Structures are given as structure tokens and as C-alpha cells.
Amino acid sequence: MNMKAKIIAGIGIAVLALGLLFALKPKSFDKEFENTMNNMTSYVLQGDMEITKGEDVKTYALEVGYEKIDDSDYFKVSLLDKELNQEQVILRNAEGVFVITPSLNQVFKFEGDWPLNSPKPYLLQSMKDIVAQENTEITDDEEGTKILSDVVYPNNKNFIRQEMVFDDDMKIKWLQIFNQDNNPELKIVFSKADYNCDLDDSYFTAPTNMDADVSASSITSEDLPLYPAQVYNSSLSGKSEMTSGGVVKHILEFTGERDFTVVESVRVKSDQTQTVLMPGEFIDALDIVGFYDGNQLNAIVNGIEYTVYSEELQPEEMMSVINSMQVAVMK
């Protein structure tokens, strides 16, 4: 073999070896996960979710369902408060978005782009976006593939860093989200992660009748008013009561750096399942959902209906005021 033939043969062997190297090299996790998500038609996730607010820790049984039907994305998120044994379901189908509250025997319907209008920790779609971020760190250890990244959740401003672990089949095992002090504020441990699974035809259907025996609230009218811990450098300047339709409403006025008013009352449970059309924007803060319309935000928590009125607070700040009712009762 002459020298030219040897050179050509050598180049051919090198190219072949390089091709084999790339063929045998495993794809990066981010590309594999992106491919998995692009080919996914449905999934169901189940697990336990812990939300920490100061010294208060709440635990929920979580189920998330997704299916692409006729080029539309259907979602269902169920949260069961383990302490109160109360469930809330948020559902998206072809008819709209529904918040289903069995403890009140009511279904709230609204228009909007939930849940893809903002990131949600429990959605695989949001996890995909986090994996694809430039600042994301991806490492392998004995648990699986670990993802660490800075995050931004518009309705949960304390969430700044997220850690996730996936198994070898790209299935989520657990995740944690930390605040600026590196303390975990949310943790989800998944017991089930089924991809491209079959779901019942009625899975994404809003109910027309619900169990009327579910308890509405562990808080009575005698326990009210509750006072917020988050007051944005304002102080209580007025306190009054009014009765409307036989329901006592407690009114708390706060003035200072930013003025706002809180109205709270025990939500009366309906005898029959009702579907209520809700105006405004739907605000999802994981364990609490609210409806924002102009200068007011309404939310129902543990059977108590709260409305915050303010020209100076943003919707997520109004939600923080309501959220803090769960950790501070000041008489």
C-alpha cells in the first residue's frame, strides 16, 4: 500500500472511530428530557407536598394529571389537606378552567390560560423549562440525575432556587424549593410518575354533584376575625362588623405605608352543587387560589372567604396578606 492509500485509510479509520464515539456517547439529560416531553401525550404524578411558612408546615396529598386531547392541553391538579381532610381540585378542559371545592359544594368557573400562564412546581412542563435554563446545573449521583437552578415564581416570590432529582427513565422522584436563606419552603416527594398513560374519559370532567357530607371549615364565626401577619408596614386603624344576607362580615382597615382593607366571613356551604362564574384573573399560589378583579382579590381558605381591597397592593401582595392569616391569629 502506497503512502497516499495509507493516509486515506488512516483518515477513514479516524472518521469511523469518531462516528462510533458520538454514536455510543449518551445524550445529555436536558436533550433526553426535552425529547421525552415533546413525545408525551399524557402523565399522572402523585405524591406528598409540604409547604413551610415560618414554623407552620402543611402537608397535602398531590395528584397532577395531564393529557393532550385534539391538540388541546387538559390539566387536573388535586390537593388534599391531610390535616383538615379537605380537597380542592383545579381543572382545565375544553369548557374552561374550574376550581372545585367539595367542602363548599361549589364549582368556580373562569376564563384564563391556567396553568401554563405561569410556572407551577408540580408540572412537568415547568420542570422542562427549568432543565433547559442556561444557569441550570445537571449532575449524576446515586439517587439519579440532580437538577439545581435559580427559579422565578411570580406568585411565590420567596421561591428562588429549586432542586430536583429524576431517575434513569426521566421520571421525577422529588423536588425542593428554597428561599433566599437557603431554607426549604416547598418539598414534593413523588410516589408515582406515569408517562403516556391511559386516563378515563371522565377524568377531566367538572362534577355536577358532589359529596354533601364533607366538612366545610374547622373555623367558626366565633373565631373571627383573623388578623394577617403580613401588613406591609401598615397597622390596624379600624375594625367593624356588618351583616349581609344573614352572614356576619368582619372588616379590618389597615393604614400606613400601603393602605388596604380585609373583609372576612364564614362561607356558607351550598345545599346543592353550584357552578359560579367568576370574573377577573385567576391567581394560583399553590395551596391558595384567588380571583383578582381591579383593586380587589377574593379567596376562600379553610371555609373562610377573604376579600382584600387596595389601590396600592399588587395581586401577589394581596395574596400574601390572605396567606398570612393561616399562621397568625392575634386577638
C-alpha atoms as a PDB file:
ATOM      1  CA  MET A   1       0.000   0.000   0.000  1.00  0.00           C
ATOM      2  CA  ASN A   2       1.469   3.318  -1.030  1.00  0.00           C
ATOM      3  CA  MET A   3       1.711   6.299   1.280  1.00  0.00           C
ATOM      4  CA  LYS A   4      -1.355   8.064  -0.178  1.00  0.00           C
ATOM      5  CA  ALA A   5      -3.508   4.990   0.301  1.00  0.00           C
ATOM      6  CA  LYS A   6      -2.260   4.631   3.875  1.00  0.00           C
ATOM      7  CA  ILE A   7      -3.175   8.262   4.637  1.00  0.00           C
ATOM      8  CA  ILE A   8      -6.644   7.851   3.154  1.00  0.00           C
ATOM      9  CA  ALA A   9      -7.147   4.606   5.104  1.00  0.00           C
ATOM     10  CA  GLY A  10      -5.964   6.291   8.280  1.00  0.00           C
ATOM     11  CA  ILE A  11      -8.344   9.186   7.817  1.00  0.00           C
ATOM     12  CA  GLY A  12     -11.190   6.749   7.165  1.00  0.00           C
ATOM     13  CA  ILE A  13     -10.454   4.828  10.360  1.00  0.00           C
ATOM     14  CA  ALA A  14     -10.291   8.068  12.367  1.00  0.00           C
ATOM     15  CA  VAL A  15     -13.623   9.247  10.973  1.00  0.00           C
ATOM     16  CA  LEU A  16     -15.184   5.859  11.717  1.00  0.00           C
ATOM     17  CA  ALA A  17     -13.820   5.875  15.253  1.00  0.00           C
ATOM     18  CA  LEU A  18     -15.105   9.405  15.817  1.00  0.00           C
ATOM     19  CA  GLY A  19     -18.512   8.417  14.471  1.00  0.00           C
ATOM     20  CA  LEU A  20     -18.656   5.422  16.807  1.00  0.00           C
ATOM     21  CA  LEU A  21     -17.652   7.620  19.711  1.00  0.00           C
ATOM     22  CA  PHE A  22     -20.545  10.013  19.097  1.00  0.00           C
ATOM     23  CA  ALA A  23     -22.917   7.122  18.455  1.00  0.00           C
ATOM     24  CA  LEU A  24     -22.014   5.453  21.755  1.00  0.00           C
ATOM     25  CA  LYS A  25     -21.891   8.659  23.807  1.00  0.00           C
ATOM     26  CA  PRO A  26     -25.096   9.043  25.842  1.00  0.00           C
ATOM     27  CA  LYS A  27     -27.229  12.065  25.087  1.00  0.00           C
ATOM     28  CA  SER A  28     -27.246  14.826  27.679  1.00  0.00           C
ATOM     29  CA  PHE A  29     -30.082  14.743  30.182  1.00  0.00           C
ATOM     30  CA  ASP A  30     -31.560  18.064  29.066  1.00  0.00           C
ATOM     31  CA  LYS A  31     -31.868  16.856  25.461  1.00  0.00           C
ATOM     32  CA  GLU A  32     -33.265  13.484  26.515  1.00  0.00           C
ATOM     33  CA  PHE A  33     -35.809  15.101  28.831  1.00  0.00           C
ATOM     34  CA  GLU A  34     -36.811  17.582  26.147  1.00  0.00           C
ATOM     35  CA  ASN A  35     -37.345  14.686  23.738  1.00  0.00           C
ATOM     36  CA  THR A  36     -39.354  12.801  26.362  1.00  0.00           C
ATOM     37  CA  MET A  37     -41.601  15.803  26.916  1.00  0.00           C
ATOM     38  CA  ASN A  38     -42.041  16.506  23.209  1.00  0.00           C
ATOM     39  CA  ASN A  39     -43.315  12.955  22.691  1.00  0.00           C
ATOM     40  CA  MET A  40     -45.520  12.900  25.775  1.00  0.00           C
ATOM     41  CA  THR A  41     -49.296  12.697  25.331  1.00  0.00           C
ATOM     42  CA  SER A  42     -50.270  12.285  28.984  1.00  0.00           C
ATOM     43  CA  TYR A  43     -48.942  11.850  32.502  1.00  0.00           C
ATOM     44  CA  VAL A  44     -50.063  11.345  36.093  1.00  0.00           C
ATOM     45  CA  LEU A  45     -47.975  12.361  39.096  1.00  0.00           C
ATOM     46  CA  GLN A  46     -48.838  11.528  42.699  1.00  0.00           C
ATOM     47  CA  GLY A  47     -47.027  12.326  45.920  1.00  0.00           C
ATOM     48  CA  ASP A  48     -46.892  14.282  49.144  1.00  0.00           C
ATOM     49  CA  MET A  49     -46.303  18.046  49.155  1.00  0.00           C
ATOM     50  CA  GLU A  50     -45.057  20.003  52.170  1.00  0.00           C
ATOM     51  CA  ILE A  51     -45.367  23.789  52.298  1.00  0.00           C
ATOM     52  CA  THR A  52     -43.446  25.559  55.061  1.00  0.00           C
ATOM     53  CA  LYS A  53     -44.464  29.038  56.206  1.00  0.00           C
ATOM     54  CA  GLY A  54     -42.357  30.078  59.155  1.00  0.00           C
ATOM     55  CA  GLU A  55     -42.909  27.423  61.805  1.00  0.00           C
ATOM     56  CA  ASP A  56     -46.107  26.195  60.172  1.00  0.00           C
ATOM     57  CA  VAL A  57     -45.861  23.118  57.923  1.00  0.00           C
ATOM     58  CA  LYS A  58     -48.811  21.929  55.858  1.00  0.00           C
ATOM     59  CA  THR A  59     -48.906  18.567  54.150  1.00  0.00           C
ATOM     60  CA  TYR A  60     -51.004  17.752  51.107  1.00  0.00           C
ATOM     61  CA  ALA A  61     -51.659  14.659  49.046  1.00  0.00           C
ATOM     62  CA  LEU A  62     -50.989  15.808  45.487  1.00  0.00           C
ATOM     63  CA  GLU A  63     -52.181  14.420  42.159  1.00  0.00           C
ATOM     64  CA  VAL A  64     -51.427  16.024  38.810  1.00  0.00           C
ATOM     65  CA  GLY A  65     -52.936  14.774  35.559  1.00  0.00           C
ATOM     66  CA  TYR A  66     -52.259  15.923  32.002  1.00  0.00           C
ATOM     67  CA  GLU A  67     -53.430  14.832  28.571  1.00  0.00           C
ATOM     68  CA  LYS A  68     -53.282  16.326  25.100  1.00  0.00           C
ATOM     69  CA  ILE A  69     -56.718  15.901  23.517  1.00  0.00           C
ATOM     70  CA  ASP A  70     -57.426  17.153  19.993  1.00  0.00           C
ATOM     71  CA  ASP A  71     -54.395  19.483  20.126  1.00  0.00           C
ATOM     72  CA  SER A  72     -55.623  20.980  23.424  1.00  0.00           C
ATOM     73  CA  ASP A  73     -53.874  20.653  26.791  1.00  0.00           C
ATOM     74  CA  TYR A  74     -56.056  19.312  29.602  1.00  0.00           C
ATOM     75  CA  PHE A  75     -54.887  19.559  33.222  1.00  0.00           C
ATOM     76  CA  LYS A  76     -56.130  18.430  36.612  1.00  0.00           C
ATOM     77  CA  VAL A  77     -54.476  19.246  39.946  1.00  0.00           C
ATOM     78  CA  SER A  78     -55.843  17.860  43.192  1.00  0.00           C
ATOM     79  CA  LEU A  79     -54.664  18.978  46.635  1.00  0.00           C
ATOM     80  CA  LEU A  80     -55.942  17.167  49.737  1.00  0.00           C
ATOM     81  CA  ASP A  81     -55.138  18.880  53.032  1.00  0.00           C
ATOM     82  CA  LYS A  82     -54.158  15.909  55.210  1.00  0.00           C
ATOM     83  CA  GLU A  83     -54.895  17.698  58.491  1.00  0.00           C
ATOM     84  CA  LEU A  84     -58.333  19.038  57.528  1.00  0.00           C
ATOM     85  CA  ASN A  85     -59.211  16.228  55.087  1.00  0.00           C
ATOM     86  CA  GLN A  86     -60.366  18.870  52.591  1.00  0.00           C
ATOM     87  CA  GLU A  87     -59.733  18.643  48.876  1.00  0.00           C
ATOM     88  CA  GLN A  88     -59.505  21.302  46.210  1.00  0.00           C
ATOM     89  CA  VAL A  89     -59.265  20.493  42.510  1.00  0.00           C
ATOM     90  CA  ILE A  90     -58.276  22.811  39.663  1.00  0.00           C
ATOM     91  CA  LEU A  91     -59.329  21.544  36.275  1.00  0.00           C
ATOM     92  CA  ARG A  92     -58.802  22.689  32.703  1.00  0.00           C
ATOM     93  CA  ASN A  93     -60.780  21.195  29.830  1.00  0.00           C
ATOM     94  CA  ALA A  94     -62.408  22.358  26.606  1.00  0.00           C
ATOM     95  CA  GLU A  95     -65.095  24.273  28.527  1.00  0.00           C
ATOM     96  CA  GLY A  96     -62.763  26.420  30.608  1.00  0.00           C
ATOM     97  CA  VAL A  97     -60.975  26.388  33.943  1.00  0.00           C
ATOM     98  CA  PHE A  98     -62.704  25.212  37.116  1.00  0.00           C
ATOM     99  CA  VAL A  99     -61.868  25.387  40.819  1.00  0.00           C
ATOM    100  CA  ILE A 100     -63.757  22.560  42.510  1.00  0.00           C
ATOM    101  CA  THR A 101     -64.342  22.883  46.259  1.00  0.00           C
ATOM    102  CA  PRO A 102     -66.249  19.887  47.683  1.00  0.00           C
ATOM    103  CA  SER A 103     -66.247  21.333  51.219  1.00  0.00           C
ATOM    104  CA  LEU A 104     -68.427  24.214  49.937  1.00  0.00           C
ATOM    105  CA  ASN A 105     -70.285  22.114  47.363  1.00  0.00           C
ATOM    106  CA  GLN A 106     -69.315  24.711  44.765  1.00  0.00           C
ATOM    107  CA  VAL A 107     -67.523  24.870  41.425  1.00  0.00           C
ATOM    108  CA  PHE A 108     -65.973  28.192  40.368  1.00  0.00           C
ATOM    109  CA  LYS A 109     -65.564  28.677  36.623  1.00  0.00           C
ATOM    110  CA  PHE A 110     -63.424  31.323  34.964  1.00  0.00           C
ATOM    111  CA  GLU A 111     -61.607  32.162  31.766  1.00  0.00           C
ATOM    112  CA  GLY A 112     -57.829  32.184  31.510  1.00  0.00           C
ATOM    113  CA  ASP A 113     -54.662  30.391  30.465  1.00  0.00           C
ATOM    114  CA  TRP A 114     -54.116  28.397  33.654  1.00  0.00           C
ATOM    115  CA  PRO A 115     -51.864  26.579  34.315  1.00  0.00           C
ATOM    116  CA  LEU A 116     -49.357  27.464  31.599  1.00  0.00           C
ATOM    117  CA  ASN A 117     -49.685  31.221  32.229  1.00  0.00           C
ATOM    118  CA  SER A 118     -47.001  30.940  34.931  1.00  0.00           C
ATOM    119  CA  PRO A 119     -44.655  28.206  36.198  1.00  0.00           C
ATOM    120  CA  LYS A 120     -46.004  25.612  38.622  1.00  0.00           C
ATOM    121  CA  PRO A 121     -43.591  23.419  40.636  1.00  0.00           C
ATOM    122  CA  TYR A 122     -45.711  20.288  40.188  1.00  0.00           C
ATOM    123  CA  LEU A 123     -46.000  20.489  36.369  1.00  0.00           C
ATOM    124  CA  LEU A 124     -43.598  18.565  34.160  1.00  0.00           C
ATOM    125  CA  GLN A 125     -43.889  21.406  31.641  1.00  0.00           C
ATOM    126  CA  SER A 126     -42.415  23.814  34.208  1.00  0.00           C
ATOM    127  CA  MET A 127     -39.697  21.300  35.112  1.00  0.00           C
ATOM    128  CA  LYS A 128     -38.793  21.086  31.424  1.00  0.00           C
ATOM    129  CA  ASP A 129     -38.310  24.871  31.286  1.00  0.00           C
ATOM    130  CA  ILE A 130     -36.085  24.781  34.373  1.00  0.00           C
ATOM    131  CA  VAL A 131     -33.937  21.980  32.954  1.00  0.00           C
ATOM    132  CA  ALA A 132     -33.470  23.993  29.743  1.00  0.00           C
ATOM    133  CA  GLN A 133     -32.276  27.180  31.525  1.00  0.00           C
ATOM    134  CA  GLU A 134     -28.704  28.276  30.888  1.00  0.00           C
ATOM    135  CA  ASN A 135     -27.809  28.527  34.582  1.00  0.00           C
ATOM    136  CA  THR A 136     -29.071  25.019  35.413  1.00  0.00           C
ATOM    137  CA  GLU A 137     -26.569  22.591  36.946  1.00  0.00           C
ATOM    138  CA  ILE A 138     -27.035  18.925  35.999  1.00  0.00           C
ATOM    139  CA  THR A 139     -25.117  16.223  37.873  1.00  0.00           C
ATOM    140  CA  ASP A 140     -25.403  12.489  38.464  1.00  0.00           C
ATOM    141  CA  ASP A 141     -25.229  10.761  41.835  1.00  0.00           C
ATOM    142  CA  GLU A 142     -26.512   7.597  43.496  1.00  0.00           C
ATOM    143  CA  GLU A 143     -30.077   8.987  43.604  1.00  0.00           C
ATOM    144  CA  GLY A 144     -30.252   9.752  39.888  1.00  0.00           C
ATOM    145  CA  THR A 145     -29.889  12.925  37.850  1.00  0.00           C
ATOM    146  CA  LYS A 146     -29.897  16.026  40.052  1.00  0.00           C
ATOM    147  CA  ILE A 147     -31.046  19.411  38.730  1.00  0.00           C
ATOM    148  CA  LEU A 148     -30.190  22.649  40.523  1.00  0.00           C
ATOM    149  CA  SER A 149     -31.288  26.028  39.217  1.00  0.00           C
ATOM    150  CA  ASP A 150     -32.359  29.534  40.132  1.00  0.00           C
ATOM    151  CA  VAL A 151     -36.096  29.990  39.632  1.00  0.00           C
ATOM    152  CA  VAL A 152     -38.728  32.707  39.490  1.00  0.00           C
ATOM    153  CA  TYR A 153     -42.314  32.039  40.543  1.00  0.00           C
ATOM    154  CA  PRO A 154     -44.391  35.227  40.127  1.00  0.00           C
ATOM    155  CA  ASN A 155     -46.999  34.166  42.708  1.00  0.00           C
ATOM    156  CA  ASN A 156     -44.422  32.799  45.168  1.00  0.00           C
ATOM    157  CA  LYS A 157     -41.710  35.445  45.435  1.00  0.00           C
ATOM    158  CA  ASN A 158     -39.844  33.579  48.203  1.00  0.00           C
ATOM    159  CA  PHE A 159     -39.001  30.718  45.851  1.00  0.00           C
ATOM    160  CA  ILE A 160     -35.541  31.436  44.428  1.00  0.00           C
ATOM    161  CA  ARG A 161     -33.727  28.099  43.995  1.00  0.00           C
ATOM    162  CA  GLN A 162     -35.008  24.660  43.017  1.00  0.00           C
ATOM    163  CA  GLU A 163     -33.518  21.193  43.296  1.00  0.00           C
ATOM    164  CA  MET A 164     -34.957  18.146  41.505  1.00  0.00           C
ATOM    165  CA  VAL A 165     -33.973  14.503  41.103  1.00  0.00           C
ATOM    166  CA  PHE A 166     -35.008  12.268  38.188  1.00  0.00           C
ATOM    167  CA  ASP A 167     -34.489   8.517  37.789  1.00  0.00           C
ATOM    168  CA  ASP A 168     -32.946   6.756  34.785  1.00  0.00           C
ATOM    169  CA  ASP A 169     -36.326   6.747  33.000  1.00  0.00           C
ATOM    170  CA  MET A 170     -36.624  10.552  33.202  1.00  0.00           C
ATOM    171  CA  LYS A 171     -39.271  10.245  35.911  1.00  0.00           C
ATOM    172  CA  ILE A 172     -39.325  12.823  38.674  1.00  0.00           C
ATOM    173  CA  LYS A 173     -38.536  11.453  42.147  1.00  0.00           C
ATOM    174  CA  TRP A 174     -38.580  14.553  44.337  1.00  0.00           C
ATOM    175  CA  LEU A 175     -38.065  18.305  44.324  1.00  0.00           C
ATOM    176  CA  GLN A 176     -37.370  21.074  46.823  1.00  0.00           C
ATOM    177  CA  ILE A 177     -37.593  24.849  46.529  1.00  0.00           C
ATOM    178  CA  PHE A 178     -35.545  27.140  48.774  1.00  0.00           C
ATOM    179  CA  ASN A 179     -35.820  30.764  49.865  1.00  0.00           C
ATOM    180  CA  GLN A 180     -33.017  33.346  49.967  1.00  0.00           C
ATOM    181  CA  ASP A 181     -31.865  31.993  53.346  1.00  0.00           C
ATOM    182  CA  ASN A 182     -31.486  28.531  51.782  1.00  0.00           C
ATOM    183  CA  ASN A 183     -34.372  27.174  53.842  1.00  0.00           C
ATOM    184  CA  PRO A 184     -36.772  24.805  52.072  1.00  0.00           C
ATOM    185  CA  GLU A 185     -40.280  26.240  51.679  1.00  0.00           C
ATOM    186  CA  LEU A 186     -41.720  23.537  49.449  1.00  0.00           C
ATOM    187  CA  LYS A 187     -40.957  19.845  49.055  1.00  0.00           C
ATOM    188  CA  ILE A 188     -42.695  17.238  46.911  1.00  0.00           C
ATOM    189  CA  VAL A 189     -41.854  13.537  47.123  1.00  0.00           C
ATOM    190  CA  PHE A 190     -43.440  11.652  44.244  1.00  0.00           C
ATOM    191  CA  SER A 191     -44.721   8.130  44.785  1.00  0.00           C
ATOM    192  CA  LYS A 192     -45.985   7.734  41.221  1.00  0.00           C
ATOM    193  CA  ALA A 193     -44.926   9.102  37.851  1.00  0.00           C
ATOM    194  CA  ASP A 194     -46.692   7.520  34.879  1.00  0.00           C
ATOM    195  CA  TYR A 195     -45.923   8.845  31.388  1.00  0.00           C
ATOM    196  CA  ASN A 196     -48.109   8.305  28.306  1.00  0.00           C
ATOM    197  CA  CYS A 197     -50.754   6.560  30.384  1.00  0.00           C
ATOM    198  CA  ASP A 198     -54.444   5.914  29.714  1.00  0.00           C
ATOM    199  CA  LEU A 199     -56.904   8.163  31.569  1.00  0.00           C
ATOM    200  CA  ASP A 200     -60.644   7.686  31.997  1.00  0.00           C
ATOM    201  CA  ASP A 201     -62.914   9.711  29.736  1.00  0.00           C
ATOM    202  CA  SER A 202     -64.403  11.407  32.823  1.00  0.00           C
ATOM    203  CA  TYR A 203     -61.036  12.324  34.380  1.00  0.00           C
ATOM    204  CA  PHE A 204     -61.169  15.936  33.155  1.00  0.00           C
ATOM    205  CA  THR A 205     -64.921  16.427  33.593  1.00  0.00           C
ATOM    206  CA  ALA A 206     -66.171  19.028  36.086  1.00  0.00           C
ATOM    207  CA  PRO A 207     -68.622  17.455  38.559  1.00  0.00           C
ATOM    208  CA  THR A 208     -72.284  18.419  38.690  1.00  0.00           C
ATOM    209  CA  ASN A 209     -72.896  16.726  42.054  1.00  0.00           C
ATOM    210  CA  MET A 210     -70.519  16.365  44.982  1.00  0.00           C
ATOM    211  CA  ASP A 211     -70.492  14.689  48.375  1.00  0.00           C
ATOM    212  CA  ALA A 212     -72.519  16.940  50.682  1.00  0.00           C
ATOM    213  CA  ASP A 213     -71.082  15.303  53.822  1.00  0.00           C
ATOM    214  CA  VAL A 214     -67.639  16.904  53.542  1.00  0.00           C
ATOM    215  CA  SER A 215     -66.931  19.352  56.379  1.00  0.00           C
ATOM    216  CA  ALA A 216     -66.816  22.982  55.259  1.00  0.00           C
ATOM    217  CA  SER A 217     -64.492  24.515  57.870  1.00  0.00           C
ATOM    218  CA  SER A 218     -62.778  23.966  61.184  1.00  0.00           C
ATOM    219  CA  ILE A 219     -63.158  27.712  61.893  1.00  0.00           C
ATOM    220  CA  THR A 220     -66.461  29.152  63.105  1.00  0.00           C
ATOM    221  CA  SER A 221     -67.799  32.694  63.107  1.00  0.00           C
ATOM    222  CA  GLU A 222     -66.814  32.989  66.773  1.00  0.00           C
ATOM    223  CA  ASP A 223     -63.157  32.556  65.782  1.00  0.00           C
ATOM    224  CA  LEU A 224     -63.243  35.631  63.559  1.00  0.00           C
ATOM    225  CA  PRO A 225     -61.713  37.977  62.790  1.00  0.00           C
ATOM    226  CA  LEU A 226     -58.337  36.503  61.952  1.00  0.00           C
ATOM    227  CA  TYR A 227     -55.524  39.014  61.594  1.00  0.00           C
ATOM    228  CA  PRO A 228     -52.782  38.986  58.938  1.00  0.00           C
ATOM    229  CA  ALA A 229     -49.132  38.784  59.887  1.00  0.00           C
ATOM    230  CA  GLN A 230     -48.137  40.396  56.570  1.00  0.00           C
ATOM    231  CA  VAL A 231     -49.254  44.036  56.711  1.00  0.00           C
ATOM    232  CA  TYR A 232     -46.573  45.808  54.616  1.00  0.00           C
ATOM    233  CA  ASN A 233     -45.605  48.315  57.343  1.00  0.00           C
ATOM    234  CA  SER A 234     -49.216  49.291  57.983  1.00  0.00           C
ATOM    235  CA  SER A 235     -51.183  48.979  61.181  1.00  0.00           C
ATOM    236  CA  LEU A 236     -54.767  48.227  62.123  1.00  0.00           C
ATOM    237  CA  SER A 237     -56.677  51.511  62.155  1.00  0.00           C
ATOM    238  CA  GLY A 238     -60.279  50.335  62.091  1.00  0.00           C
ATOM    239  CA  LYS A 239     -62.336  47.278  62.940  1.00  0.00           C
ATOM    240  CA  SER A 240     -66.071  46.770  62.394  1.00  0.00           C
ATOM    241  CA  GLU A 241     -68.784  44.248  61.567  1.00  0.00           C
ATOM    242  CA  MET A 242     -71.716  44.190  59.203  1.00  0.00           C
ATOM    243  CA  THR A 243     -74.410  41.616  58.421  1.00  0.00           C
ATOM    244  CA  SER A 244     -75.385  40.856  54.853  1.00  0.00           C
ATOM    245  CA  GLY A 245     -77.824  38.103  53.948  1.00  0.00           C
ATOM    246  CA  GLY A 246     -77.569  36.719  57.451  1.00  0.00           C
ATOM    247  CA  VAL A 247     -73.768  36.424  57.193  1.00  0.00           C
ATOM    248  CA  VAL A 248     -71.572  38.401  59.600  1.00  0.00           C
ATOM    249  CA  LYS A 249     -68.672  40.088  57.814  1.00  0.00           C
ATOM    250  CA  HIS A 250     -65.659  41.355  59.713  1.00  0.00           C
ATOM    251  CA  ILE A 251     -63.913  44.437  58.294  1.00  0.00           C
ATOM    252  CA  LEU A 252     -60.296  45.261  59.138  1.00  0.00           C
ATOM    253  CA  GLU A 253     -58.788  48.539  57.887  1.00  0.00           C
ATOM    254  CA  PHE A 254     -55.005  48.965  57.698  1.00  0.00           C
ATOM    255  CA  THR A 255     -53.266  52.273  57.074  1.00  0.00           C
ATOM    256  CA  GLY A 256     -49.604  53.203  56.831  1.00  0.00           C
ATOM    257  CA  GLU A 257     -47.038  52.642  54.111  1.00  0.00           C
ATOM    258  CA  ARG A 258     -49.696  50.951  51.994  1.00  0.00           C
ATOM    259  CA  ASP A 259     -53.379  51.064  52.819  1.00  0.00           C
ATOM    260  CA  PHE A 260     -55.687  48.085  52.445  1.00  0.00           C
ATOM    261  CA  THR A 261     -58.900  46.616  53.850  1.00  0.00           C
ATOM    262  CA  VAL A 262     -59.682  42.986  54.634  1.00  0.00           C
ATOM    263  CA  VAL A 263     -63.243  41.650  54.737  1.00  0.00           C
ATOM    264  CA  GLU A 264     -63.706  38.107  56.059  1.00  0.00           C
ATOM    265  CA  SER A 265     -66.634  35.825  56.803  1.00  0.00           C
ATOM    266  CA  VAL A 266     -67.544  32.163  57.068  1.00  0.00           C
ATOM    267  CA  ARG A 267     -68.539  30.919  53.618  1.00  0.00           C
ATOM    268  CA  VAL A 268     -71.924  29.210  53.775  1.00  0.00           C
ATOM    269  CA  LYS A 269     -71.971  25.755  52.240  1.00  0.00           C
ATOM    270  CA  SER A 270     -74.469  25.227  49.417  1.00  0.00           C
ATOM    271  CA  ASP A 271     -77.150  22.550  49.781  1.00  0.00           C
ATOM    272  CA  GLN A 272     -76.779  21.670  46.115  1.00  0.00           C
ATOM    273  CA  THR A 273     -73.717  21.753  43.879  1.00  0.00           C
ATOM    274  CA  GLN A 274     -73.449  25.187  42.301  1.00  0.00           C
ATOM    275  CA  THR A 275     -71.305  26.441  39.431  1.00  0.00           C
ATOM    276  CA  VAL A 276     -70.346  30.086  39.929  1.00  0.00           C
ATOM    277  CA  LEU A 277     -68.936  32.176  37.074  1.00  0.00           C
ATOM    278  CA  MET A 278     -66.008  34.242  38.347  1.00  0.00           C
ATOM    279  CA  PRO A 279     -64.802  37.488  36.734  1.00  0.00           C
ATOM    280  CA  GLY A 280     -61.243  38.718  36.721  1.00  0.00           C
ATOM    281  CA  GLU A 281     -57.866  36.991  36.821  1.00  0.00           C
ATOM    282  CA  PHE A 282     -57.196  33.659  38.485  1.00  0.00           C
ATOM    283  CA  ILE A 283     -54.215  33.745  40.914  1.00  0.00           C
ATOM    284  CA  ASP A 284     -52.688  30.391  41.839  1.00  0.00           C
ATOM    285  CA  ALA A 285     -50.384  30.367  44.882  1.00  0.00           C
ATOM    286  CA  LEU A 286     -50.220  26.566  45.197  1.00  0.00           C
ATOM    287  CA  ASP A 287     -52.266  25.895  48.341  1.00  0.00           C
ATOM    288  CA  ILE A 288     -54.386  29.037  47.963  1.00  0.00           C
ATOM    289  CA  VAL A 289     -56.165  30.256  44.845  1.00  0.00           C
ATOM    290  CA  GLY A 290     -57.695  33.686  44.404  1.00  0.00           C
ATOM    291  CA  PHE A 291     -59.639  35.802  41.932  1.00  0.00           C
ATOM    292  CA  TYR A 292     -58.328  39.287  41.202  1.00  0.00           C
ATOM    293  CA  ASP A 293     -60.601  41.914  39.698  1.00  0.00           C
ATOM    294  CA  GLY A 294     -59.437  45.516  39.568  1.00  0.00           C
ATOM    295  CA  ASN A 295     -58.479  46.617  43.060  1.00  0.00           C
ATOM    296  CA  GLN A 296     -59.697  43.557  44.959  1.00  0.00           C
ATOM    297  CA  LEU A 297     -58.725  39.930  45.439  1.00  0.00           C
ATOM    298  CA  ASN A 298     -61.044  37.212  46.717  1.00  0.00           C
ATOM    299  CA  ALA A 299     -60.002  33.839  48.114  1.00  0.00           C
ATOM    300  CA  ILE A 300     -61.589  31.085  50.190  1.00  0.00           C
ATOM    301  CA  VAL A 301     -59.313  29.344  52.685  1.00  0.00           C
ATOM    302  CA  ASN A 302     -60.493  26.637  55.071  1.00  0.00           C
ATOM    303  CA  GLY A 303     -64.111  27.733  54.595  1.00  0.00           C
ATOM    304  CA  ILE A 304     -63.360  31.416  55.285  1.00  0.00           C
ATOM    305  CA  GLU A 305     -63.919  33.914  52.478  1.00  0.00           C
ATOM    306  CA  TYR A 306     -61.429  36.775  52.377  1.00  0.00           C
ATOM    307  CA  THR A 307     -61.537  39.871  50.201  1.00  0.00           C
ATOM    308  CA  VAL A 308     -58.649  42.326  50.170  1.00  0.00           C
ATOM    309  CA  TYR A 309     -59.303  45.807  48.771  1.00  0.00           C
ATOM    310  CA  SER A 310     -56.373  48.066  47.922  1.00  0.00           C
ATOM    311  CA  GLU A 311     -55.213  50.587  45.352  1.00  0.00           C
ATOM    312  CA  GLU A 312     -51.608  50.143  46.480  1.00  0.00           C
ATOM    313  CA  LEU A 313     -51.036  46.380  46.800  1.00  0.00           C
ATOM    314  CA  GLN A 314     -50.221  44.124  43.850  1.00  0.00           C
ATOM    315  CA  PRO A 315     -52.270  40.916  43.413  1.00  0.00           C
ATOM    316  CA  GLU A 316     -49.478  38.695  44.759  1.00  0.00           C
ATOM    317  CA  GLU A 317     -49.144  41.020  47.768  1.00  0.00           C
ATOM    318  CA  MET A 318     -52.875  40.765  48.449  1.00  0.00           C
ATOM    319  CA  MET A 319     -52.463  37.003  48.284  1.00  0.00           C
ATOM    320  CA  SER A 320     -49.612  37.219  50.807  1.00  0.00           C
ATOM    321  CA  VAL A 321     -51.909  39.095  53.202  1.00  0.00           C
ATOM    322  CA  ILE A 322     -54.513  36.321  52.941  1.00  0.00           C
ATOM    323  CA  ASN A 323     -51.848  33.641  53.138  1.00  0.00           C
ATOM    324  CA  SER A 324     -50.540  35.040  56.416  1.00  0.00           C
ATOM    325  CA  MET A 325     -53.958  34.561  58.034  1.00  0.00           C
ATOM    326  CA  GLN A 326     -53.043  30.901  58.316  1.00  0.00           C
ATOM    327  CA  VAL A 327     -50.102  31.451  60.640  1.00  0.00           C
ATOM    328  CA  ALA A 328     -51.210  34.354  62.854  1.00  0.00           C
ATOM    329  CA  VAL A 329     -54.371  34.754  64.901  1.00  0.00           C
ATOM    330  CA  MET A 330     -53.962  37.878  67.023  1.00  0.00           C
ATOM    331  CA  LYS A 331     -56.748  38.848  69.404  1.00  0.00           C
END
